[in-house]
Amino acid sequence: MEDLTGFQRDLLYVIAGADQPSGQDIKDEVESYYSSDINHGRLYPNLDTLVNKGFVEKGELDRRTNYYAITDEGNTAIQERREWESQYVDP
């Protein structure tokens, strides 16, 4: 997880907190947090990176819509990150 960008980590957290969100669902949530538009050219390559690293699984909801789901490896990476962060931030 240490080689992910902050944006990729944010995507990972959004996916972990949802039940098989679509790319559009993820985009909407991240746009809400960032208070700015996220274009497809930024979103989908970063989602693909998370898939390629094994943190996220990608599947088809229908012919036009994919879903994303956190993997065990992704959950482990989040837990390890939270443990690392807790060293520096008071609970």
PDB file of N, CA and C in Angstrom:
ATOM      1  N   MET A   1       0.820  -1.193   0.000  1.00  0.00           N
ATOM      2  CA  MET A   1       0.000   0.000   0.000  1.00  0.00           C
ATOM      3  C   MET A   1       0.867   1.261   0.000  1.00  0.00           C
ATOM      4  N   GLU A   2       2.107   1.129   0.466  1.00  0.00           N
ATOM      5  CA  GLU A   2       2.973   2.294   0.555  1.00  0.00           C
ATOM      6  C   GLU A   2       3.304   2.903  -0.804  1.00  0.00           C
ATOM      7  N   ASP A   3       3.123   2.159  -1.887  1.00  0.00           N
ATOM      8  CA  ASP A   3       3.406   2.716  -3.203  1.00  0.00           C
ATOM      9  C   ASP A   3       2.163   3.273  -3.893  1.00  0.00           C
ATOM     10  N   LEU A   4       1.031   3.301  -3.195  1.00  0.00           N
ATOM     11  CA  LEU A   4      -0.179   3.890  -3.760  1.00  0.00           C
ATOM     12  C   LEU A   4      -0.158   5.401  -3.574  1.00  0.00           C
ATOM     13  N   THR A   5      -0.800   6.092  -4.488  1.00  0.00           N
ATOM     14  CA  THR A   5      -0.978   7.530  -4.313  1.00  0.00           C
ATOM     15  C   THR A   5      -2.090   7.767  -3.290  1.00  0.00           C
ATOM     16  N   GLY A   6      -2.186   8.977  -2.799  1.00  0.00           N
ATOM     17  CA  GLY A   6      -3.264   9.323  -1.878  1.00  0.00           C
ATOM     18  C   GLY A   6      -4.627   9.107  -2.524  1.00  0.00           C
ATOM     19  N   PHE A   7      -4.742   9.446  -3.803  1.00  0.00           N
ATOM     20  CA  PHE A   7      -5.998   9.255  -4.528  1.00  0.00           C
ATOM     21  C   PHE A   7      -6.357   7.776  -4.590  1.00  0.00           C
ATOM     22  N   GLN A   8      -5.390   6.936  -4.875  1.00  0.00           N
ATOM     23  CA  GLN A   8      -5.645   5.496  -4.933  1.00  0.00           C
ATOM     24  C   GLN A   8      -6.057   4.962  -3.571  1.00  0.00           C
ATOM     25  N   ARG A   9      -5.431   5.440  -2.496  1.00  0.00           N
ATOM     26  CA  ARG A   9      -5.850   5.022  -1.160  1.00  0.00           C
ATOM     27  C   ARG A   9      -7.283   5.456  -0.880  1.00  0.00           C
ATOM     28  N   ASP A  10      -7.633   6.664  -1.290  1.00  0.00           N
ATOM     29  CA  ASP A  10      -9.011   7.129  -1.095  1.00  0.00           C
ATOM     30  C   ASP A  10      -9.996   6.231  -1.842  1.00  0.00           C
ATOM     31  N   LEU A  11      -9.651   5.859  -3.057  1.00  0.00           N
ATOM     32  CA  LEU A  11     -10.513   4.944  -3.823  1.00  0.00           C
ATOM     33  C   LEU A  11     -10.662   3.615  -3.092  1.00  0.00           C
ATOM     34  N   LEU A  12      -9.572   3.112  -2.561  1.00  0.00           N
ATOM     35  CA  LEU A  12      -9.589   1.841  -1.844  1.00  0.00           C
ATOM     36  C   LEU A  12     -10.509   1.917  -0.628  1.00  0.00           C
ATOM     37  N   TYR A  13     -10.430   3.009   0.129  1.00  0.00           N
ATOM     38  CA  TYR A  13     -11.296   3.176   1.291  1.00  0.00           C
ATOM     39  C   TYR A  13     -12.764   3.252   0.889  1.00  0.00           C
ATOM     40  N   VAL A  14     -13.062   3.958  -0.180  1.00  0.00           N
ATOM     41  CA  VAL A  14     -14.453   4.054  -0.652  1.00  0.00           C
ATOM     42  C   VAL A  14     -14.974   2.674  -1.041  1.00  0.00           C
ATOM     43  N   ILE A  15     -14.180   1.915  -1.768  1.00  0.00           N
ATOM     44  CA  ILE A  15     -14.598   0.577  -2.187  1.00  0.00           C
ATOM     45  C   ILE A  15     -14.797  -0.324  -0.972  1.00  0.00           C
ATOM     46  N   ALA A  16     -13.907  -0.223   0.006  1.00  0.00           N
ATOM     47  CA  ALA A  16     -14.015  -1.058   1.210  1.00  0.00           C
ATOM     48  C   ALA A  16     -15.285  -0.742   1.996  1.00  0.00           C
ATOM     49  N   GLY A  17     -15.750   0.495   1.905  1.00  0.00           N
ATOM     50  CA  GLY A  17     -16.922   0.905   2.670  1.00  0.00           C
ATOM     51  C   GLY A  17     -18.241   0.731   1.952  1.00  0.00           C
ATOM     52  N   ALA A  18     -18.214   0.149   0.788  1.00  0.00           N
ATOM     53  CA  ALA A  18     -19.434  -0.026  -0.009  1.00  0.00           C
ATOM     54  C   ALA A  18     -19.584  -1.488  -0.414  1.00  0.00           C
ATOM     55  N   ASP A  19     -20.780  -1.840  -0.842  1.00  0.00           N
ATOM     56  CA  ASP A  19     -21.054  -3.198  -1.287  1.00  0.00           C
ATOM     57  C   ASP A  19     -21.049  -3.245  -2.806  1.00  0.00           C
ATOM     58  N   GLN A  20     -19.913  -3.615  -3.361  1.00  0.00           N
ATOM     59  CA  GLN A  20     -19.722  -3.735  -4.804  1.00  0.00           C
ATOM     60  C   GLN A  20     -20.193  -2.488  -5.567  1.00  0.00           C
ATOM     61  N   PRO A  21     -19.579  -1.329  -5.276  1.00  0.00           N
ATOM     62  CA  PRO A  21     -19.973  -0.112  -5.975  1.00  0.00           C
ATOM     63  C   PRO A  21     -19.547  -0.139  -7.440  1.00  0.00           C
ATOM     64  N   SER A  22     -20.314   0.543  -8.252  1.00  0.00           N
ATOM     65  CA  SER A  22     -19.929   0.732  -9.652  1.00  0.00           C
ATOM     66  C   SER A  22     -18.883   1.835  -9.716  1.00  0.00           C
ATOM     67  N   GLY A  23     -18.252   1.977 -10.859  1.00  0.00           N
ATOM     68  CA  GLY A  23     -17.307   3.072 -11.045  1.00  0.00           C
ATOM     69  C   GLY A  23     -17.974   4.417 -10.812  1.00  0.00           C
ATOM     70  N   GLN A  24     -19.210   4.562 -11.274  1.00  0.00           N
ATOM     71  CA  GLN A  24     -19.935   5.818 -11.086  1.00  0.00           C
ATOM     72  C   GLN A  24     -20.214   6.076  -9.607  1.00  0.00           C
ATOM     73  N   ASP A  25     -20.565   5.029  -8.864  1.00  0.00           N
ATOM     74  CA  ASP A  25     -20.785   5.177  -7.413  1.00  0.00           C
ATOM     75  C   ASP A  25     -19.511   5.676  -6.726  1.00  0.00           C
ATOM     76  N   ILE A  26     -18.386   5.092  -7.105  1.00  0.00           N
ATOM     77  CA  ILE A  26     -17.100   5.482  -6.522  1.00  0.00           C
ATOM     78  C   ILE A  26     -16.789   6.928  -6.894  1.00  0.00           C
ATOM     79  N   LYS A  27     -16.981   7.255  -8.155  1.00  0.00           N
ATOM     80  CA  LYS A  27     -16.735   8.609  -8.648  1.00  0.00           C
ATOM     81  C   LYS A  27     -17.568   9.617  -7.865  1.00  0.00           C
ATOM     82  N   ASP A  28     -18.848   9.338  -7.671  1.00  0.00           N
ATOM     83  CA  ASP A  28     -19.738  10.251  -6.948  1.00  0.00           C
ATOM     84  C   ASP A  28     -19.250  10.470  -5.515  1.00  0.00           C
ATOM     85  N   GLU A  29     -18.854   9.400  -4.852  1.00  0.00           N
ATOM     86  CA  GLU A  29     -18.403   9.498  -3.466  1.00  0.00           C
ATOM     87  C   GLU A  29     -17.107  10.299  -3.357  1.00  0.00           C
ATOM     88  N   VAL A  30     -16.164  10.031  -4.251  1.00  0.00           N
ATOM     89  CA  VAL A  30     -14.886  10.740  -4.211  1.00  0.00           C
ATOM     90  C   VAL A  30     -15.079  12.210  -4.577  1.00  0.00           C
ATOM     91  N   GLU A  31     -15.934  12.490  -5.541  1.00  0.00           N
ATOM     92  CA  GLU A  31     -16.215  13.879  -5.899  1.00  0.00           C
ATOM     93  C   GLU A  31     -16.828  14.634  -4.722  1.00  0.00           C
ATOM     94  N   SER A  32     -17.668  13.974  -3.981  1.00  0.00           N
ATOM     95  CA  SER A  32     -18.272  14.586  -2.803  1.00  0.00           C
ATOM     96  C   SER A  32     -17.204  14.941  -1.774  1.00  0.00           C
ATOM     97  N   TYR A  33     -16.282  14.030  -1.536  1.00  0.00           N
ATOM     98  CA  TYR A  33     -15.211  14.258  -0.571  1.00  0.00           C
ATOM     99  C   TYR A  33     -14.255  15.350  -1.053  1.00  0.00           C
ATOM    100  N   TYR A  34     -13.863  15.303  -2.320  1.00  0.00           N
ATOM    101  CA  TYR A  34     -12.900  16.258  -2.865  1.00  0.00           C
ATOM    102  C   TYR A  34     -13.544  17.602  -3.219  1.00  0.00           C
ATOM    103  N   SER A  35     -14.863  17.642  -3.282  1.00  0.00           N
ATOM    104  CA  SER A  35     -15.595  18.853  -3.690  1.00  0.00           C
ATOM    105  C   SER A  35     -15.142  19.353  -5.061  1.00  0.00           C
ATOM    106  N   SER A  36     -14.858  18.413  -5.943  1.00  0.00           N
ATOM    107  CA  SER A  36     -14.490  18.759  -7.316  1.00  0.00           C
ATOM    108  C   SER A  36     -14.780  17.574  -8.228  1.00  0.00           C
ATOM    109  N   ASP A  37     -14.853  17.870  -9.518  1.00  0.00           N
ATOM    110  CA  ASP A  37     -15.128  16.831 -10.498  1.00  0.00           C
ATOM    111  C   ASP A  37     -13.906  15.937 -10.687  1.00  0.00           C
ATOM    112  N   ILE A  38     -14.156  14.651 -10.823  1.00  0.00           N
ATOM    113  CA  ILE A  38     -13.119  13.669 -11.129  1.00  0.00           C
ATOM    114  C   ILE A  38     -13.438  13.128 -12.519  1.00  0.00           C
ATOM    115  N   ASN A  39     -12.529  13.301 -13.455  1.00  0.00           N
ATOM    116  CA  ASN A  39     -12.832  12.829 -14.807  1.00  0.00           C
ATOM    117  C   ASN A  39     -12.510  11.338 -14.939  1.00  0.00           C
ATOM    118  N   HIS A  40     -13.132  10.748 -15.953  1.00  0.00           N
ATOM    119  CA  HIS A  40     -12.962   9.312 -16.178  1.00  0.00           C
ATOM    120  C   HIS A  40     -11.509   8.944 -16.445  1.00  0.00           C
ATOM    121  N   GLY A  41     -10.763   9.844 -17.093  1.00  0.00           N
ATOM    122  CA  GLY A  41      -9.362   9.599 -17.404  1.00  0.00           C
ATOM    123  C   GLY A  41      -8.480   9.522 -16.169  1.00  0.00           C
ATOM    124  N   ARG A  42      -8.962  10.039 -15.068  1.00  0.00           N
ATOM    125  CA  ARG A  42      -8.236   9.915 -13.802  1.00  0.00           C
ATOM    126  C   ARG A  42      -8.752   8.719 -13.001  1.00  0.00           C
ATOM    127  N   LEU A  43     -10.052   8.545 -12.972  1.00  0.00           N
ATOM    128  CA  LEU A  43     -10.664   7.518 -12.132  1.00  0.00           C
ATOM    129  C   LEU A  43     -10.306   6.097 -12.573  1.00  0.00           C
ATOM    130  N   TYR A  44     -10.616   5.764 -13.807  1.00  0.00           N
ATOM    131  CA  TYR A  44     -10.530   4.365 -14.218  1.00  0.00           C
ATOM    132  C   TYR A  44      -9.103   3.810 -14.298  1.00  0.00           C
ATOM    133  N   PRO A  45      -8.114   4.576 -14.737  1.00  0.00           N
ATOM    134  CA  PRO A  45      -6.746   4.043 -14.667  1.00  0.00           C
ATOM    135  C   PRO A  45      -6.305   3.761 -13.225  1.00  0.00           C
ATOM    136  N   ASN A  46      -6.738   4.590 -12.287  1.00  0.00           N
ATOM    137  CA  ASN A  46      -6.390   4.361 -10.888  1.00  0.00           C
ATOM    138  C   ASN A  46      -7.126   3.157 -10.317  1.00  0.00           C
ATOM    139  N   LEU A  47      -8.376   2.949 -10.711  1.00  0.00           N
ATOM    140  CA  LEU A  47      -9.079   1.728 -10.310  1.00  0.00           C
ATOM    141  C   LEU A  47      -8.380   0.506 -10.884  1.00  0.00           C
ATOM    142  N   ASP A  48      -7.956   0.595 -12.142  1.00  0.00           N
ATOM    143  CA  ASP A  48      -7.230  -0.523 -12.763  1.00  0.00           C
ATOM    144  C   ASP A  48      -5.935  -0.831 -12.016  1.00  0.00           C
ATOM    145  N   THR A  49      -5.248   0.193 -11.524  1.00  0.00           N
ATOM    146  CA  THR A  49      -4.029  -0.026 -10.740  1.00  0.00           C
ATOM    147  C   THR A  49      -4.348  -0.826  -9.482  1.00  0.00           C
ATOM    148  N   LEU A  50      -5.447  -0.476  -8.806  1.00  0.00           N
ATOM    149  CA  LEU A  50      -5.833  -1.210  -7.596  1.00  0.00           C
ATOM    150  C   LEU A  50      -6.172  -2.660  -7.915  1.00  0.00           C
ATOM    151  N   VAL A  51      -6.803  -2.880  -9.061  1.00  0.00           N
ATOM    152  CA  VAL A  51      -7.123  -4.246  -9.497  1.00  0.00           C
ATOM    153  C   VAL A  51      -5.819  -5.000  -9.792  1.00  0.00           C
ATOM    154  N   ASN A  52      -4.928  -4.373 -10.541  1.00  0.00           N
ATOM    155  CA  ASN A  52      -3.669  -5.023 -10.929  1.00  0.00           C
ATOM    156  C   ASN A  52      -2.788  -5.353  -9.730  1.00  0.00           C
ATOM    157  N   LYS A  53      -2.877  -4.569  -8.675  1.00  0.00           N
ATOM    158  CA  LYS A  53      -2.091  -4.823  -7.467  1.00  0.00           C
ATOM    159  C   LYS A  53      -2.754  -5.852  -6.552  1.00  0.00           C
ATOM    160  N   GLY A  54      -3.982  -6.273  -6.895  1.00  0.00           N
ATOM    161  CA  GLY A  54      -4.659  -7.302  -6.124  1.00  0.00           C
ATOM    162  C   GLY A  54      -5.456  -6.790  -4.930  1.00  0.00           C
ATOM    163  N   PHE A  55      -5.576  -5.465  -4.791  1.00  0.00           N
ATOM    164  CA  PHE A  55      -6.324  -4.897  -3.674  1.00  0.00           C
ATOM    165  C   PHE A  55      -7.825  -4.875  -3.928  1.00  0.00           C
ATOM    166  N   VAL A  56      -8.198  -4.901  -5.200  1.00  0.00           N
ATOM    167  CA  VAL A  56      -9.600  -4.778  -5.609  1.00  0.00           C
ATOM    168  C   VAL A  56      -9.891  -5.800  -6.692  1.00  0.00           C
ATOM    169  N   GLU A  57     -11.112  -6.300  -6.660  1.00  0.00           N
ATOM    170  CA  GLU A  57     -11.604  -7.216  -7.696  1.00  0.00           C
ATOM    171  C   GLU A  57     -12.612  -6.453  -8.539  1.00  0.00           C
ATOM    172  N   LYS A  58     -12.570  -6.685  -9.844  1.00  0.00           N
ATOM    173  CA  LYS A  58     -13.479  -6.026 -10.778  1.00  0.00           C
ATOM    174  C   LYS A  58     -14.354  -7.087 -11.418  1.00  0.00           C
ATOM    175  N   GLY A  59     -15.654  -6.824 -11.458  1.00  0.00           N
ATOM    176  CA  GLY A  59     -16.580  -7.754 -12.080  1.00  0.00           C
ATOM    177  C   GLY A  59     -17.636  -6.992 -12.864  1.00  0.00           C
ATOM    178  N   GLU A  60     -18.498  -7.721 -13.541  1.00  0.00           N
ATOM    179  CA  GLU A  60     -19.546  -7.109 -14.356  1.00  0.00           C
ATOM    180  C   GLU A  60     -20.888  -7.164 -13.663  1.00  0.00           C
ATOM    181  N   LEU A  61     -21.540  -5.999 -13.554  1.00  0.00           N
ATOM    182  CA  LEU A  61     -22.930  -5.961 -13.113  1.00  0.00           C
ATOM    183  C   LEU A  61     -23.842  -6.233 -14.300  1.00  0.00           C
ATOM    184  N   ASP A  62     -23.504  -5.622 -15.426  1.00  0.00           N
ATOM    185  CA  ASP A  62     -24.183  -5.873 -16.701  1.00  0.00           C
ATOM    186  C   ASP A  62     -23.181  -5.543 -17.809  1.00  0.00           C
ATOM    187  N   ARG A  63     -23.624  -5.557 -19.028  1.00  0.00           N
ATOM    188  CA  ARG A  63     -22.689  -5.377 -20.153  1.00  0.00           C
ATOM    189  C   ARG A  63     -21.997  -4.021 -20.148  1.00  0.00           C
ATOM    190  N   ARG A  64     -22.604  -3.031 -19.491  1.00  0.00           N
ATOM    191  CA  ARG A  64     -22.049  -1.677 -19.502  1.00  0.00           C
ATOM    192  C   ARG A  64     -21.465  -1.243 -18.166  1.00  0.00           C
ATOM    193  N   THR A  65     -21.746  -1.975 -17.117  1.00  0.00           N
ATOM    194  CA  THR A  65     -21.387  -1.512 -15.777  1.00  0.00           C
ATOM    195  C   THR A  65     -20.543  -2.544 -15.037  1.00  0.00           C
ATOM    196  N   ASN A  66     -19.412  -2.094 -14.534  1.00  0.00           N
ATOM    197  CA  ASN A  66     -18.552  -2.937 -13.706  1.00  0.00           C
ATOM    198  C   ASN A  66     -18.782  -2.621 -12.238  1.00  0.00           C
ATOM    199  N   TYR A  67     -18.493  -3.584 -11.395  1.00  0.00           N
ATOM    200  CA  TYR A  67     -18.473  -3.337  -9.958  1.00  0.00           C
ATOM    201  C   TYR A  67     -17.054  -3.563  -9.469  1.00  0.00           C
ATOM    202  N   TYR A  68     -16.787  -3.028  -8.295  1.00  0.00           N
ATOM    203  CA  TYR A  68     -15.485  -3.180  -7.664  1.00  0.00           C
ATOM    204  C   TYR A  68     -15.717  -3.680  -6.250  1.00  0.00           C
ATOM    205  N   ALA A  69     -14.861  -4.587  -5.792  1.00  0.00           N
ATOM    206  CA  ALA A  69     -14.981  -5.145  -4.450  1.00  0.00           C
ATOM    207  C   ALA A  69     -13.587  -5.273  -3.841  1.00  0.00           C
ATOM    208  N   ILE A  70     -13.507  -4.994  -2.572  1.00  0.00           N
ATOM    209  CA  ILE A  70     -12.240  -5.105  -1.854  1.00  0.00           C
ATOM    210  C   ILE A  70     -11.858  -6.583  -1.737  1.00  0.00           C
ATOM    211  N   THR A  71     -10.592  -6.886  -1.854  1.00  0.00           N
ATOM    212  CA  THR A  71     -10.102  -8.255  -1.682  1.00  0.00           C
ATOM    213  C   THR A  71      -9.555  -8.408  -0.259  1.00  0.00           C
ATOM    214  N   ASP A  72      -9.244  -9.631   0.116  1.00  0.00           N
ATOM    215  CA  ASP A  72      -8.610  -9.859   1.412  1.00  0.00           C
ATOM    216  C   ASP A  72      -7.288  -9.092   1.494  1.00  0.00           C
ATOM    217  N   GLU A  73      -6.549  -9.088   0.408  1.00  0.00           N
ATOM    218  CA  GLU A  73      -5.282  -8.351   0.370  1.00  0.00           C
ATOM    219  C   GLU A  73      -5.519  -6.849   0.561  1.00  0.00           C
ATOM    220  N   GLY A  74      -6.593  -6.346  -0.027  1.00  0.00           N
ATOM    221  CA  GLY A  74      -6.935  -4.937   0.149  1.00  0.00           C
ATOM    222  C   GLY A  74      -7.310  -4.621   1.583  1.00  0.00           C
ATOM    223  N   ASN A  75      -8.095  -5.491   2.205  1.00  0.00           N
ATOM    224  CA  ASN A  75      -8.456  -5.303   3.613  1.00  0.00           C
ATOM    225  C   ASN A  75      -7.221  -5.338   4.505  1.00  0.00           C
ATOM    226  N   THR A  76      -6.316  -6.254   4.229  1.00  0.00           N
ATOM    227  CA  THR A  76      -5.082  -6.349   5.005  1.00  0.00           C
ATOM    228  C   THR A  76      -4.259  -5.073   4.849  1.00  0.00           C
ATOM    229  N   ALA A  77      -4.173  -4.571   3.636  1.00  0.00           N
ATOM    230  CA  ALA A  77      -3.410  -3.342   3.383  1.00  0.00           C
ATOM    231  C   ALA A  77      -4.008  -2.163   4.147  1.00  0.00           C
ATOM    232  N   ILE A  78      -5.327  -2.070   4.173  1.00  0.00           N
ATOM    233  CA  ILE A  78      -5.983  -0.994   4.921  1.00  0.00           C
ATOM    234  C   ILE A  78      -5.691  -1.130   6.410  1.00  0.00           C
ATOM    235  N   GLN A  79      -5.798  -2.329   6.932  1.00  0.00           N
ATOM    236  CA  GLN A  79      -5.535  -2.550   8.356  1.00  0.00           C
ATOM    237  C   GLN A  79      -4.098  -2.184   8.712  1.00  0.00           C
ATOM    238  N   GLU A  80      -3.159  -2.599   7.889  1.00  0.00           N
ATOM    239  CA  GLU A  80      -1.755  -2.275   8.142  1.00  0.00           C
ATOM    240  C   GLU A  80      -1.526  -0.771   8.074  1.00  0.00           C
ATOM    241  N   ARG A  81      -2.170  -0.107   7.139  1.00  0.00           N
ATOM    242  CA  ARG A  81      -2.051   1.352   7.021  1.00  0.00           C
ATOM    243  C   ARG A  81      -2.617   2.042   8.260  1.00  0.00           C
ATOM    244  N   ARG A  82      -3.763   1.582   8.721  1.00  0.00           N
ATOM    245  CA  ARG A  82      -4.383   2.184   9.907  1.00  0.00           C
ATOM    246  C   ARG A  82      -3.508   1.985  11.140  1.00  0.00           C
ATOM    247  N   GLU A  83      -2.886   0.827  11.257  1.00  0.00           N
ATOM    248  CA  GLU A  83      -1.981   0.579  12.379  1.00  0.00           C
ATOM    249  C   GLU A  83      -0.774   1.512  12.311  1.00  0.00           C
ATOM    250  N   TRP A  84      -0.236   1.703  11.121  1.00  0.00           N
ATOM    251  CA  TRP A  84       0.892   2.607  10.937  1.00  0.00           C
ATOM    252  C   TRP A  84       0.484   4.035  11.288  1.00  0.00           C
ATOM    253  N   GLU A  85      -0.680   4.478  10.787  1.00  0.00           N
ATOM    254  CA  GLU A  85      -1.153   5.842  11.053  1.00  0.00           C
ATOM    255  C   GLU A  85      -1.384   6.058  12.543  1.00  0.00           C
ATOM    256  N   SER A  86      -1.849   5.043  13.240  1.00  0.00           N
ATOM    257  CA  SER A  86      -2.187   5.197  14.658  1.00  0.00           C
ATOM    258  C   SER A  86      -0.956   5.515  15.511  1.00  0.00           C
ATOM    259  N   GLN A  87       0.233   5.245  14.989  1.00  0.00           N
ATOM    260  CA  GLN A  87       1.456   5.618  15.701  1.00  0.00           C
ATOM    261  C   GLN A  87       1.626   7.137  15.791  1.00  0.00           C
ATOM    262  N   TYR A  88       1.000   7.837  14.848  1.00  0.00           N
ATOM    263  CA  TYR A  88       1.234   9.276  14.699  1.00  0.00           C
ATOM    264  C   TYR A  88       0.019  10.140  15.023  1.00  0.00           C
ATOM    265  N   VAL A  89      -1.131   9.497  15.125  1.00  0.00           N
ATOM    266  CA  VAL A  89      -2.360  10.239  15.370  1.00  0.00           C
ATOM    267  C   VAL A  89      -3.003   9.684  16.630  1.00  0.00           C
ATOM    268  N   ASP A  90      -3.363  10.576  17.556  1.00  0.00           N
ATOM    269  CA  ASP A  90      -4.035  10.121  18.766  1.00  0.00           C
ATOM    270  C   ASP A  90      -5.398   9.540  18.408  1.00  0.00           C
ATOM    271  N   PRO A  91      -5.744   8.407  19.019  1.00  0.00           N
ATOM    272  CA  PRO A  91      -7.056   7.796  18.728  1.00  0.00           C
ATOM    273  C   PRO A  91      -8.217   8.640  19.227  1.00  0.00           C
TER     274      PRO A  91
END
